[in-house]
Amino acid sequence: MAIDADDLRSLREIDRTLAATLSLQCDHFGFVPNDACVRESIRQGKPLLSTQPDSAAAKAITRIARRIVRLWDETIEDSASLLLRDTQKAYEK
């Protein structure tokens, strides 16, 4: 979870570190915003998607899950930049 799109600035460094140390490439599927509903769900011991399906975090998790299912077998070129751009757009709304 992150507070705003600026928290994603570290994605390129994560990509470089994964490539250099583990020879891995990472596709970034989405961004989960910081949401008080997550803490409340944990406090209650209940699943977020069941108790707060309309919360920002639940919607983001659902969107990420759909992307993973749809794009699992594909490589997403420059996914860090795409994720940063999409997240910046979401925060502009």
PDB file of N, CA and C in Angstrom:
ATOM      1  N   MET A   1       0.836  -1.177   0.000  1.00  0.00           N
ATOM      2  CA  MET A   1       0.000   0.000   0.000  1.00  0.00           C
ATOM      3  C   MET A   1       0.880   1.238   0.000  1.00  0.00           C
ATOM      4  N   ALA A   2       0.355   2.254  -0.608  1.00  0.00           N
ATOM      5  CA  ALA A   2       1.103   3.499  -0.695  1.00  0.00           C
ATOM      6  C   ALA A   2       0.151   4.674  -0.506  1.00  0.00           C
ATOM      7  N   ILE A   3       0.721   5.789  -0.156  1.00  0.00           N
ATOM      8  CA  ILE A   3      -0.086   6.978   0.110  1.00  0.00           C
ATOM      9  C   ILE A   3      -0.425   7.722  -1.177  1.00  0.00           C
ATOM     10  N   ASP A   4       0.531   7.826  -2.098  1.00  0.00           N
ATOM     11  CA  ASP A   4       0.266   8.506  -3.360  1.00  0.00           C
ATOM     12  C   ASP A   4       1.189   7.966  -4.448  1.00  0.00           C
ATOM     13  N   ALA A   5       1.021   8.499  -5.643  1.00  0.00           N
ATOM     14  CA  ALA A   5       1.776   8.006  -6.797  1.00  0.00           C
ATOM     15  C   ALA A   5       3.281   8.173  -6.627  1.00  0.00           C
ATOM     16  N   ASP A   6       3.706   9.150  -5.858  1.00  0.00           N
ATOM     17  CA  ASP A   6       5.144   9.350  -5.649  1.00  0.00           C
ATOM     18  C   ASP A   6       5.803   8.146  -4.978  1.00  0.00           C
ATOM     19  N   ASP A   7       5.017   7.360  -4.240  1.00  0.00           N
ATOM     20  CA  ASP A   7       5.562   6.165  -3.601  1.00  0.00           C
ATOM     21  C   ASP A   7       6.028   5.131  -4.629  1.00  0.00           C
ATOM     22  N   LEU A   8       5.599   5.278  -5.863  1.00  0.00           N
ATOM     23  CA  LEU A   8       5.982   4.332  -6.914  1.00  0.00           C
ATOM     24  C   LEU A   8       7.299   4.698  -7.590  1.00  0.00           C
ATOM     25  N   ARG A   9       7.889   5.785  -7.216  1.00  0.00           N
ATOM     26  CA  ARG A   9       9.148   6.217  -7.838  1.00  0.00           C
ATOM     27  C   ARG A   9      10.256   5.183  -7.648  1.00  0.00           C
ATOM     28  N   SER A  10      10.125   4.332  -6.653  1.00  0.00           N
ATOM     29  CA  SER A  10      11.156   3.323  -6.379  1.00  0.00           C
ATOM     30  C   SER A  10      11.038   2.087  -7.268  1.00  0.00           C
ATOM     31  N   LEU A  11      10.029   2.011  -8.117  1.00  0.00           N
ATOM     32  CA  LEU A  11       9.830   0.816  -8.937  1.00  0.00           C
ATOM     33  C   LEU A  11      11.020   0.514  -9.843  1.00  0.00           C
ATOM     34  N   ARG A  12      11.584   1.508 -10.452  1.00  0.00           N
ATOM     35  CA  ARG A  12      12.730   1.272 -11.345  1.00  0.00           C
ATOM     36  C   ARG A  12      13.913   0.690 -10.575  1.00  0.00           C
ATOM     37  N   GLU A  13      14.132   1.184  -9.355  1.00  0.00           N
ATOM     38  CA  GLU A  13      15.222   0.647  -8.536  1.00  0.00           C
ATOM     39  C   GLU A  13      14.934  -0.801  -8.143  1.00  0.00           C
ATOM     40  N   ILE A  14      13.692  -1.098  -7.834  1.00  0.00           N
ATOM     41  CA  ILE A  14      13.311  -2.484  -7.535  1.00  0.00           C
ATOM     42  C   ILE A  14      13.575  -3.360  -8.749  1.00  0.00           C
ATOM     43  N   ASP A  15      13.193  -2.889  -9.925  1.00  0.00           N
ATOM     44  CA  ASP A  15      13.435  -3.644 -11.159  1.00  0.00           C
ATOM     45  C   ASP A  15      14.926  -3.902 -11.366  1.00  0.00           C
ATOM     46  N   ARG A  16      15.743  -2.873 -11.178  1.00  0.00           N
ATOM     47  CA  ARG A  16      17.194  -3.034 -11.360  1.00  0.00           C
ATOM     48  C   ARG A  16      17.774  -4.028 -10.352  1.00  0.00           C
ATOM     49  N   THR A  17      17.337  -3.938  -9.113  1.00  0.00           N
ATOM     50  CA  THR A  17      17.841  -4.833  -8.075  1.00  0.00           C
ATOM     51  C   THR A  17      17.443  -6.277  -8.355  1.00  0.00           C
ATOM     52  N   LEU A  18      16.198  -6.493  -8.740  1.00  0.00           N
ATOM     53  CA  LEU A  18      15.759  -7.851  -9.074  1.00  0.00           C
ATOM     54  C   LEU A  18      16.566  -8.426 -10.230  1.00  0.00           C
ATOM     55  N   ALA A  19      16.787  -7.613 -11.244  1.00  0.00           N
ATOM     56  CA  ALA A  19      17.550  -8.076 -12.409  1.00  0.00           C
ATOM     57  C   ALA A  19      18.998  -8.373 -12.037  1.00  0.00           C
ATOM     58  N   ALA A  20      19.609  -7.493 -11.264  1.00  0.00           N
ATOM     59  CA  ALA A  20      21.029  -7.647 -10.932  1.00  0.00           C
ATOM     60  C   ALA A  20      21.286  -8.780  -9.945  1.00  0.00           C
ATOM     61  N   THR A  21      20.431  -8.918  -8.950  1.00  0.00           N
ATOM     62  CA  THR A  21      20.718  -9.895  -7.900  1.00  0.00           C
ATOM     63  C   THR A  21      20.077 -11.259  -8.121  1.00  0.00           C
ATOM     64  N   LEU A  22      18.916 -11.288  -8.759  1.00  0.00           N
ATOM     65  CA  LEU A  22      18.194 -12.549  -8.928  1.00  0.00           C
ATOM     66  C   LEU A  22      17.952 -12.928 -10.381  1.00  0.00           C
ATOM     67  N   SER A  23      18.396 -12.097 -11.304  1.00  0.00           N
ATOM     68  CA  SER A  23      18.154 -12.319 -12.735  1.00  0.00           C
ATOM     69  C   SER A  23      16.659 -12.476 -13.028  1.00  0.00           C
ATOM     70  N   LEU A  24      15.852 -11.675 -12.362  1.00  0.00           N
ATOM     71  CA  LEU A  24      14.402 -11.715 -12.547  1.00  0.00           C
ATOM     72  C   LEU A  24      13.900 -10.412 -13.140  1.00  0.00           C
ATOM     73  N   GLN A  25      12.831 -10.531 -13.916  1.00  0.00           N
ATOM     74  CA  GLN A  25      12.113  -9.354 -14.375  1.00  0.00           C
ATOM     75  C   GLN A  25      10.742  -9.382 -13.724  1.00  0.00           C
ATOM     76  N   CYS A  26      10.262  -8.233 -13.352  1.00  0.00           N
ATOM     77  CA  CYS A  26       9.004  -8.135 -12.620  1.00  0.00           C
ATOM     78  C   CYS A  26       7.993  -7.338 -13.437  1.00  0.00           C
ATOM     79  N   ASP A  27       6.790  -7.882 -13.564  1.00  0.00           N
ATOM     80  CA  ASP A  27       5.694  -7.124 -14.151  1.00  0.00           C
ATOM     81  C   ASP A  27       4.883  -6.535 -13.003  1.00  0.00           C
ATOM     82  N   HIS A  28       4.610  -5.250 -13.080  1.00  0.00           N
ATOM     83  CA  HIS A  28       3.847  -4.569 -12.035  1.00  0.00           C
ATOM     84  C   HIS A  28       2.391  -4.512 -12.472  1.00  0.00           C
ATOM     85  N   PHE A  29       1.515  -5.072 -11.654  1.00  0.00           N
ATOM     86  CA  PHE A  29       0.113  -5.202 -12.032  1.00  0.00           C
ATOM     87  C   PHE A  29      -0.803  -4.136 -11.458  1.00  0.00           C
ATOM     88  N   GLY A  30      -0.376  -3.422 -10.441  1.00  0.00           N
ATOM     89  CA  GLY A  30      -1.278  -2.426  -9.885  1.00  0.00           C
ATOM     90  C   GLY A  30      -0.776  -1.797  -8.607  1.00  0.00           C
ATOM     91  N   PHE A  31      -1.609  -0.965  -8.055  1.00  0.00           N
ATOM     92  CA  PHE A  31      -1.295  -0.108  -6.921  1.00  0.00           C
ATOM     93  C   PHE A  31      -2.459  -0.185  -5.939  1.00  0.00           C
ATOM     94  N   VAL A  32      -2.171  -0.438  -4.679  1.00  0.00           N
ATOM     95  CA  VAL A  32      -3.214  -0.447  -3.650  1.00  0.00           C
ATOM     96  C   VAL A  32      -3.026   0.806  -2.795  1.00  0.00           C
ATOM     97  N   PRO A  33      -3.997   1.710  -2.826  1.00  0.00           N
ATOM     98  CA  PRO A  33      -3.855   2.946  -2.056  1.00  0.00           C
ATOM     99  C   PRO A  33      -3.987   2.694  -0.560  1.00  0.00           C
ATOM    100  N   ASN A  34      -3.373   3.554   0.214  1.00  0.00           N
ATOM    101  CA  ASN A  34      -3.521   3.499   1.661  1.00  0.00           C
ATOM    102  C   ASN A  34      -4.992   3.756   1.982  1.00  0.00           C
ATOM    103  N   ASP A  35      -5.604   2.880   2.738  1.00  0.00           N
ATOM    104  CA  ASP A  35      -7.042   2.948   2.968  1.00  0.00           C
ATOM    105  C   ASP A  35      -7.332   2.497   4.402  1.00  0.00           C
ATOM    106  N   ALA A  36      -8.007   3.334   5.169  1.00  0.00           N
ATOM    107  CA  ALA A  36      -8.337   3.001   6.560  1.00  0.00           C
ATOM    108  C   ALA A  36      -9.200   1.745   6.657  1.00  0.00           C
ATOM    109  N   CYS A  37      -9.913   1.413   5.603  1.00  0.00           N
ATOM    110  CA  CYS A  37     -10.752   0.209   5.606  1.00  0.00           C
ATOM    111  C   CYS A  37      -9.916  -1.058   5.783  1.00  0.00           C
ATOM    112  N   VAL A  38      -8.671  -1.040   5.333  1.00  0.00           N
ATOM    113  CA  VAL A  38      -7.799  -2.207   5.493  1.00  0.00           C
ATOM    114  C   VAL A  38      -7.528  -2.440   6.975  1.00  0.00           C
ATOM    115  N   ARG A  39      -7.166  -1.401   7.685  1.00  0.00           N
ATOM    116  CA  ARG A  39      -6.915  -1.535   9.129  1.00  0.00           C
ATOM    117  C   ARG A  39      -8.167  -2.003   9.863  1.00  0.00           C
ATOM    118  N   GLU A  40      -9.307  -1.463   9.490  1.00  0.00           N
ATOM    119  CA  GLU A  40     -10.562  -1.854  10.134  1.00  0.00           C
ATOM    120  C   GLU A  40     -10.879  -3.322   9.857  1.00  0.00           C
ATOM    121  N   SER A  41     -10.666  -3.758   8.650  1.00  0.00           N
ATOM    122  CA  SER A  41     -10.886  -5.157   8.292  1.00  0.00           C
ATOM    123  C   SER A  41      -9.984  -6.086   9.105  1.00  0.00           C
ATOM    124  N   ILE A  42      -8.725  -5.697   9.255  1.00  0.00           N
ATOM    125  CA  ILE A  42      -7.779  -6.485  10.055  1.00  0.00           C
ATOM    126  C   ILE A  42      -8.218  -6.500  11.514  1.00  0.00           C
ATOM    127  N   ARG A  43      -8.605  -5.360  12.024  1.00  0.00           N
ATOM    128  CA  ARG A  43      -9.042  -5.262  13.420  1.00  0.00           C
ATOM    129  C   ARG A  43     -10.239  -6.177  13.685  1.00  0.00           C
ATOM    130  N   GLN A  44     -11.155  -6.235  12.715  1.00  0.00           N
ATOM    131  CA  GLN A  44     -12.343  -7.078  12.845  1.00  0.00           C
ATOM    132  C   GLN A  44     -12.048  -8.549  12.558  1.00  0.00           C
ATOM    133  N   GLY A  45     -10.908  -8.808  11.919  1.00  0.00           N
ATOM    134  CA  GLY A  45     -10.583 -10.186  11.551  1.00  0.00           C
ATOM    135  C   GLY A  45     -11.461 -10.716  10.433  1.00  0.00           C
ATOM    136  N   LYS A  46     -11.881  -9.806   9.554  1.00  0.00           N
ATOM    137  CA  LYS A  46     -12.766 -10.178   8.448  1.00  0.00           C
ATOM    138  C   LYS A  46     -12.136  -9.765   7.126  1.00  0.00           C
ATOM    139  N   PRO A  47     -12.431 -10.509   6.046  1.00  0.00           N
ATOM    140  CA  PRO A  47     -11.850 -10.183   4.735  1.00  0.00           C
ATOM    141  C   PRO A  47     -12.326  -8.819   4.213  1.00  0.00           C
ATOM    142  N   LEU A  48     -11.392  -8.042   3.740  1.00  0.00           N
ATOM    143  CA  LEU A  48     -11.693  -6.711   3.213  1.00  0.00           C
ATOM    144  C   LEU A  48     -12.696  -6.773   2.065  1.00  0.00           C
ATOM    145  N   LEU A  49     -12.499  -7.698   1.141  1.00  0.00           N
ATOM    146  CA  LEU A  49     -13.367  -7.754  -0.033  1.00  0.00           C
ATOM    147  C   LEU A  49     -14.799  -8.129   0.332  1.00  0.00           C
ATOM    148  N   SER A  50     -14.986  -8.793   1.461  1.00  0.00           N
ATOM    149  CA  SER A  50     -16.339  -9.137   1.911  1.00  0.00           C
ATOM    150  C   SER A  50     -16.991  -8.003   2.688  1.00  0.00           C
ATOM    151  N   THR A  51     -16.205  -7.353   3.538  1.00  0.00           N
ATOM    152  CA  THR A  51     -16.782  -6.336   4.421  1.00  0.00           C
ATOM    153  C   THR A  51     -16.807  -4.935   3.823  1.00  0.00           C
ATOM    154  N   GLN A  52     -15.845  -4.632   2.965  1.00  0.00           N
ATOM    155  CA  GLN A  52     -15.739  -3.285   2.388  1.00  0.00           C
ATOM    156  C   GLN A  52     -15.483  -3.363   0.877  1.00  0.00           C
ATOM    157  N   PRO A  53     -16.362  -4.025   0.119  1.00  0.00           N
ATOM    158  CA  PRO A  53     -16.089  -4.232  -1.306  1.00  0.00           C
ATOM    159  C   PRO A  53     -16.012  -2.949  -2.133  1.00  0.00           C
ATOM    160  N   ASP A  54     -16.576  -1.867  -1.626  1.00  0.00           N
ATOM    161  CA  ASP A  54     -16.553  -0.604  -2.369  1.00  0.00           C
ATOM    162  C   ASP A  54     -15.430   0.330  -1.934  1.00  0.00           C
ATOM    163  N   SER A  55     -14.578  -0.132  -1.023  1.00  0.00           N
ATOM    164  CA  SER A  55     -13.460   0.707  -0.573  1.00  0.00           C
ATOM    165  C   SER A  55     -12.415   0.820  -1.681  1.00  0.00           C
ATOM    166  N   ALA A  56     -11.614   1.851  -1.598  1.00  0.00           N
ATOM    167  CA  ALA A  56     -10.577   2.065  -2.619  1.00  0.00           C
ATOM    168  C   ALA A  56      -9.607   0.890  -2.680  1.00  0.00           C
ATOM    169  N   ALA A  57      -9.213   0.363  -1.525  1.00  0.00           N
ATOM    170  CA  ALA A  57      -8.265  -0.758  -1.501  1.00  0.00           C
ATOM    171  C   ALA A  57      -8.892  -2.015  -2.093  1.00  0.00           C
ATOM    172  N   ALA A  58     -10.138  -2.299  -1.747  1.00  0.00           N
ATOM    173  CA  ALA A  58     -10.806  -3.492  -2.281  1.00  0.00           C
ATOM    174  C   ALA A  58     -10.953  -3.402  -3.798  1.00  0.00           C
ATOM    175  N   LYS A  59     -11.315  -2.230  -4.290  1.00  0.00           N
ATOM    176  CA  LYS A  59     -11.435  -2.051  -5.742  1.00  0.00           C
ATOM    177  C   LYS A  59     -10.084  -2.239  -6.425  1.00  0.00           C
ATOM    178  N   ALA A  60      -9.020  -1.732  -5.812  1.00  0.00           N
ATOM    179  CA  ALA A  60      -7.682  -1.885  -6.393  1.00  0.00           C
ATOM    180  C   ALA A  60      -7.257  -3.350  -6.404  1.00  0.00           C
ATOM    181  N   ILE A  61      -7.516  -4.067  -5.319  1.00  0.00           N
ATOM    182  CA  ILE A  61      -7.160  -5.486  -5.250  1.00  0.00           C
ATOM    183  C   ILE A  61      -7.922  -6.277  -6.303  1.00  0.00           C
ATOM    184  N   THR A  62      -9.201  -5.983  -6.467  1.00  0.00           N
ATOM    185  CA  THR A  62     -10.006  -6.656  -7.486  1.00  0.00           C
ATOM    186  C   THR A  62      -9.471  -6.358  -8.883  1.00  0.00           C
ATOM    187  N   ARG A  63      -9.121  -5.106  -9.134  1.00  0.00           N
ATOM    188  CA  ARG A  63      -8.571  -4.711 -10.438  1.00  0.00           C
ATOM    189  C   ARG A  63      -7.250  -5.440 -10.707  1.00  0.00           C
ATOM    190  N   ILE A  64      -6.393  -5.541  -9.693  1.00  0.00           N
ATOM    191  CA  ILE A  64      -5.114  -6.243  -9.841  1.00  0.00           C
ATOM    192  C   ILE A  64      -5.357  -7.722 -10.128  1.00  0.00           C
ATOM    193  N   ALA A  65      -6.279  -8.332  -9.401  1.00  0.00           N
ATOM    194  CA  ALA A  65      -6.575  -9.754  -9.618  1.00  0.00           C
ATOM    195  C   ALA A  65      -7.055 -10.001 -11.047  1.00  0.00           C
ATOM    196  N   ARG A  66      -7.902  -9.127 -11.549  1.00  0.00           N
ATOM    197  CA  ARG A  66      -8.384  -9.278 -12.935  1.00  0.00           C
ATOM    198  C   ARG A  66      -7.240  -9.131 -13.939  1.00  0.00           C
ATOM    199  N   ARG A  67      -6.350  -8.192 -13.685  1.00  0.00           N
ATOM    200  CA  ARG A  67      -5.200  -8.015 -14.582  1.00  0.00           C
ATOM    201  C   ARG A  67      -4.298  -9.243 -14.566  1.00  0.00           C
ATOM    202  N   ILE A  68      -4.069  -9.790 -13.391  1.00  0.00           N
ATOM    203  CA  ILE A  68      -3.215 -10.978 -13.289  1.00  0.00           C
ATOM    204  C   ILE A  68      -3.817 -12.125 -14.083  1.00  0.00           C
ATOM    205  N   VAL A  69      -5.109 -12.357 -13.919  1.00  0.00           N
ATOM    206  CA  VAL A  69      -5.769 -13.437 -14.657  1.00  0.00           C
ATOM    207  C   VAL A  69      -5.665 -13.187 -16.159  1.00  0.00           C
ATOM    208  N   ARG A  70      -5.926 -11.969 -16.586  1.00  0.00           N
ATOM    209  CA  ARG A  70      -5.937 -11.637 -18.014  1.00  0.00           C
ATOM    210  C   ARG A  70      -4.538 -11.639 -18.631  1.00  0.00           C
ATOM    211  N   LEU A  71      -3.534 -11.207 -17.886  1.00  0.00           N
ATOM    212  CA  LEU A  71      -2.207 -10.980 -18.464  1.00  0.00           C
ATOM    213  C   LEU A  71      -1.137 -11.953 -17.970  1.00  0.00           C
ATOM    214  N   TRP A  72      -1.508 -13.001 -17.258  1.00  0.00           N
ATOM    215  CA  TRP A  72      -0.539 -13.885 -16.623  1.00  0.00           C
ATOM    216  C   TRP A  72       0.526 -14.399 -17.589  1.00  0.00           C
ATOM    217  N   ASP A  73       0.148 -14.792 -18.769  1.00  0.00           N
ATOM    218  CA  ASP A  73       1.090 -15.391 -19.717  1.00  0.00           C
ATOM    219  C   ASP A  73       1.772 -14.382 -20.624  1.00  0.00           C
ATOM    220  N   GLU A  74       1.581 -13.099 -20.373  1.00  0.00           N
ATOM    221  CA  GLU A  74       2.172 -12.071 -21.223  1.00  0.00           C
ATOM    222  C   GLU A  74       3.223 -11.270 -20.461  1.00  0.00           C
ATOM    223  N   THR A  75       4.185 -10.755 -21.198  1.00  0.00           N
ATOM    224  CA  THR A  75       5.146  -9.825 -20.618  1.00  0.00           C
ATOM    225  C   THR A  75       4.597  -8.417 -20.813  1.00  0.00           C
ATOM    226  N   ILE A  76       4.660  -7.629 -19.783  1.00  0.00           N
ATOM    227  CA  ILE A  76       4.181  -6.248 -19.859  1.00  0.00           C
ATOM    228  C   ILE A  76       5.410  -5.352 -19.954  1.00  0.00           C
ATOM    229  N   GLU A  77       5.696  -4.881 -21.151  1.00  0.00           N
ATOM    230  CA  GLU A  77       6.866  -4.034 -21.359  1.00  0.00           C
ATOM    231  C   GLU A  77       6.735  -2.731 -20.577  1.00  0.00           C
ATOM    232  N   ASP A  78       7.789  -2.380 -19.870  1.00  0.00           N
ATOM    233  CA  ASP A  78       7.876  -1.133 -19.106  1.00  0.00           C
ATOM    234  C   ASP A  78       6.693  -0.960 -18.153  1.00  0.00           C
ATOM    235  N   SER A  79       6.356  -2.043 -17.444  1.00  0.00           N
ATOM    236  CA  SER A  79       5.186  -2.011 -16.564  1.00  0.00           C
ATOM    237  C   SER A  79       5.328  -0.998 -15.433  1.00  0.00           C
ATOM    238  N   ALA A  80       6.549  -0.727 -14.990  1.00  0.00           N
ATOM    239  CA  ALA A  80       6.739   0.261 -13.921  1.00  0.00           C
ATOM    240  C   ALA A  80       6.276   1.643 -14.381  1.00  0.00           C
ATOM    241  N   SER A  81       6.650   2.037 -15.590  1.00  0.00           N
ATOM    242  CA  SER A  81       6.228   3.346 -16.116  1.00  0.00           C
ATOM    243  C   SER A  81       4.721   3.395 -16.340  1.00  0.00           C
ATOM    244  N   LEU A  82       4.169   2.301 -16.847  1.00  0.00           N
ATOM    245  CA  LEU A  82       2.722   2.245 -17.064  1.00  0.00           C
ATOM    246  C   LEU A  82       1.970   2.365 -15.744  1.00  0.00           C
ATOM    247  N   LEU A  83       2.450   1.659 -14.737  1.00  0.00           N
ATOM    248  CA  LEU A  83       1.802   1.713 -13.431  1.00  0.00           C
ATOM    249  C   LEU A  83       1.893   3.112 -12.833  1.00  0.00           C
ATOM    250  N   LEU A  84       3.039   3.732 -12.932  1.00  0.00           N
ATOM    251  CA  LEU A  84       3.210   5.088 -12.406  1.00  0.00           C
ATOM    252  C   LEU A  84       2.260   6.054 -13.107  1.00  0.00           C
ATOM    253  N   ARG A  85       2.180   5.988 -14.424  1.00  0.00           N
ATOM    254  CA  ARG A  85       1.296   6.879 -15.185  1.00  0.00           C
ATOM    255  C   ARG A  85      -0.171   6.665 -14.801  1.00  0.00           C
ATOM    256  N   ASP A  86      -0.601   5.404 -14.724  1.00  0.00           N
ATOM    257  CA  ASP A  86      -1.993   5.112 -14.384  1.00  0.00           C
ATOM    258  C   ASP A  86      -2.332   5.562 -12.967  1.00  0.00           C
ATOM    259  N   THR A  87      -1.393   5.391 -12.056  1.00  0.00           N
ATOM    260  CA  THR A  87      -1.624   5.798 -10.669  1.00  0.00           C
ATOM    261  C   THR A  87      -1.685   7.317 -10.556  1.00  0.00           C
ATOM    262  N   GLN A  88      -0.813   8.005 -11.274  1.00  0.00           N
ATOM    263  CA  GLN A  88      -0.858   9.473 -11.271  1.00  0.00           C
ATOM    264  C   GLN A  88      -2.204   9.966 -11.795  1.00  0.00           C
ATOM    265  N   LYS A  89      -2.714   9.333 -12.847  1.00  0.00           N
ATOM    266  CA  LYS A  89      -4.024   9.711 -13.386  1.00  0.00           C
ATOM    267  C   LYS A  89      -5.118   9.493 -12.352  1.00  0.00           C
ATOM    268  N   ALA A  90      -5.039   8.372 -11.636  1.00  0.00           N
ATOM    269  CA  ALA A  90      -6.058   8.062 -10.627  1.00  0.00           C
ATOM    270  C   ALA A  90      -6.064   9.093  -9.509  1.00  0.00           C
ATOM    271  N   TYR A  91      -4.893   9.574  -9.127  1.00  0.00           N
ATOM    272  CA  TYR A  91      -4.821  10.561  -8.048  1.00  0.00           C
ATOM    273  C   TYR A  91      -5.206  11.962  -8.510  1.00  0.00           C
ATOM    274  N   GLU A  92      -5.218  12.204  -9.813  1.00  0.00           N
ATOM    275  CA  GLU A  92      -5.627  13.509 -10.335  1.00  0.00           C
ATOM    276  C   GLU A  92      -7.138  13.675 -10.292  1.00  0.00           C
ATOM    277  N   LYS A  93      -7.865  12.577 -10.223  1.00  0.00           N
ATOM    278  CA  LYS A  93      -9.339  12.632 -10.260  1.00  0.00           C
ATOM    279  C   LYS A  93      -9.912  13.273  -9.032  1.00  0.00           C
TER     280      LYS A  93
END
